[in-house]
Amino acid sequence: MASNNNQINVPEAKEAMNRFKMECANEVGVNLKQGYNGDLTSRQAGSVGGQMVKRMIESYENSMK
């Protein structure tokens, strides 16, 4: 049985990650709700995740300068 390692143990980090997710969703035009968002299409969910990764990479690259 696989374990879920996606747990965020620090409450402040969890809230920050939720804000980040909402910002990224807004940037790509996906309307996220608080709580359950299982009604999103795969395309919508993927675009939010992709935007999050894009911004994390940009942040890392900027910190390397």
C-alpha atoms as a PDB file:
ATOM      1  CA  MET A   1       0.000   0.000   0.000  1.00  0.00           C
ATOM      2  CA  ALA A   2       1.415   3.419  -0.978  1.00  0.00           C
ATOM      3  CA  SER A   3       1.530   6.176   1.582  1.00  0.00           C
ATOM      4  CA  ASN A   4       0.552   9.759   0.860  1.00  0.00           C
ATOM      5  CA  ASN A   5       3.615  11.979   1.262  1.00  0.00           C
ATOM      6  CA  ASN A   6       1.788  15.137   0.155  1.00  0.00           C
ATOM      7  CA  GLN A   7       1.022  16.150   3.734  1.00  0.00           C
ATOM      8  CA  ILE A   8       2.182  19.611   4.828  1.00  0.00           C
ATOM      9  CA  ASN A   9       2.990  19.460   8.524  1.00  0.00           C
ATOM     10  CA  VAL A  10       3.519  23.172   9.216  1.00  0.00           C
ATOM     11  CA  PRO A  11       0.155  25.006   9.398  1.00  0.00           C
ATOM     12  CA  GLU A  12       1.671  28.293   8.129  1.00  0.00           C
ATOM     13  CA  ALA A  13       3.131  26.501   5.113  1.00  0.00           C
ATOM     14  CA  LYS A  14      -0.213  24.889   4.333  1.00  0.00           C
ATOM     15  CA  GLU A  15      -1.989  28.259   4.317  1.00  0.00           C
ATOM     16  CA  ALA A  16       0.762  29.822   2.184  1.00  0.00           C
ATOM     17  CA  MET A  17       0.530  26.936  -0.295  1.00  0.00           C
ATOM     18  CA  ASN A  18      -3.252  27.341  -0.514  1.00  0.00           C
ATOM     19  CA  ARG A  19      -2.861  31.084  -1.234  1.00  0.00           C
ATOM     20  CA  PHE A  20      -0.211  30.294  -3.853  1.00  0.00           C
ATOM     21  CA  LYS A  21      -2.505  27.721  -5.482  1.00  0.00           C
ATOM     22  CA  MET A  22      -5.392  30.221  -5.581  1.00  0.00           C
ATOM     23  CA  GLU A  23      -3.139  32.919  -7.132  1.00  0.00           C
ATOM     24  CA  CYS A  24      -1.923  30.523  -9.820  1.00  0.00           C
ATOM     25  CA  ALA A  25      -5.477  29.362 -10.565  1.00  0.00           C
ATOM     26  CA  ASN A  26      -6.565  32.981 -10.953  1.00  0.00           C
ATOM     27  CA  GLU A  27      -3.661  33.651 -13.339  1.00  0.00           C
ATOM     28  CA  VAL A  28      -4.756  30.838 -15.676  1.00  0.00           C
ATOM     29  CA  GLY A  29      -8.471  31.631 -15.375  1.00  0.00           C
ATOM     30  CA  VAL A  30      -9.551  28.646 -13.269  1.00  0.00           C
ATOM     31  CA  ASN A  31     -12.122  29.369 -10.579  1.00  0.00           C
ATOM     32  CA  LEU A  32     -11.061  27.411  -7.482  1.00  0.00           C
ATOM     33  CA  LYS A  33     -13.326  27.148  -4.469  1.00  0.00           C
ATOM     34  CA  GLN A  34     -12.297  26.645  -0.859  1.00  0.00           C
ATOM     35  CA  GLY A  35     -12.531  22.932  -0.120  1.00  0.00           C
ATOM     36  CA  TYR A  36     -13.528  20.368  -2.736  1.00  0.00           C
ATOM     37  CA  ASN A  37     -12.578  21.050  -6.360  1.00  0.00           C
ATOM     38  CA  GLY A  38     -13.093  17.562  -7.779  1.00  0.00           C
ATOM     39  CA  ASP A  39     -15.386  18.933 -10.461  1.00  0.00           C
ATOM     40  CA  LEU A  40     -12.466  20.551 -12.318  1.00  0.00           C
ATOM     41  CA  THR A  41     -11.487  19.076 -15.645  1.00  0.00           C
ATOM     42  CA  SER A  42      -8.076  17.443 -15.994  1.00  0.00           C
ATOM     43  CA  ARG A  43      -7.091  20.338 -18.227  1.00  0.00           C
ATOM     44  CA  GLN A  44      -8.015  22.915 -15.576  1.00  0.00           C
ATOM     45  CA  ALA A  45      -6.260  21.054 -12.767  1.00  0.00           C
ATOM     46  CA  GLY A  46      -3.192  20.544 -14.946  1.00  0.00           C
ATOM     47  CA  SER A  47      -3.024  24.199 -15.889  1.00  0.00           C
ATOM     48  CA  VAL A  48      -3.069  25.212 -12.208  1.00  0.00           C
ATOM     49  CA  GLY A  49      -0.332  22.704 -11.351  1.00  0.00           C
ATOM     50  CA  GLY A  50       1.699  23.747 -14.369  1.00  0.00           C
ATOM     51  CA  GLN A  51       1.448  27.417 -13.421  1.00  0.00           C
ATOM     52  CA  MET A  52       2.580  26.596  -9.874  1.00  0.00           C
ATOM     53  CA  VAL A  53       5.645  24.745 -11.174  1.00  0.00           C
ATOM     54  CA  LYS A  54       6.431  27.528 -13.650  1.00  0.00           C
ATOM     55  CA  ARG A  55       6.371  30.152 -10.888  1.00  0.00           C
ATOM     56  CA  MET A  56       8.469  27.990  -8.528  1.00  0.00           C
ATOM     57  CA  ILE A  57      11.112  27.521 -11.238  1.00  0.00           C
ATOM     58  CA  GLU A  58      11.124  31.257 -12.010  1.00  0.00           C
ATOM     59  CA  SER A  59      11.542  32.012  -8.313  1.00  0.00           C
ATOM     60  CA  TYR A  60      14.450  29.587  -8.029  1.00  0.00           C
ATOM     61  CA  GLU A  61      16.131  30.971 -11.151  1.00  0.00           C
ATOM     62  CA  ASN A  62      15.776  34.535  -9.824  1.00  0.00           C
ATOM     63  CA  SER A  63      17.347  33.519  -6.512  1.00  0.00           C
ATOM     64  CA  MET A  64      20.375  32.157  -8.416  1.00  0.00           C
ATOM     65  CA  LYS A  65      21.159  35.563  -9.957  1.00  0.00           C
END
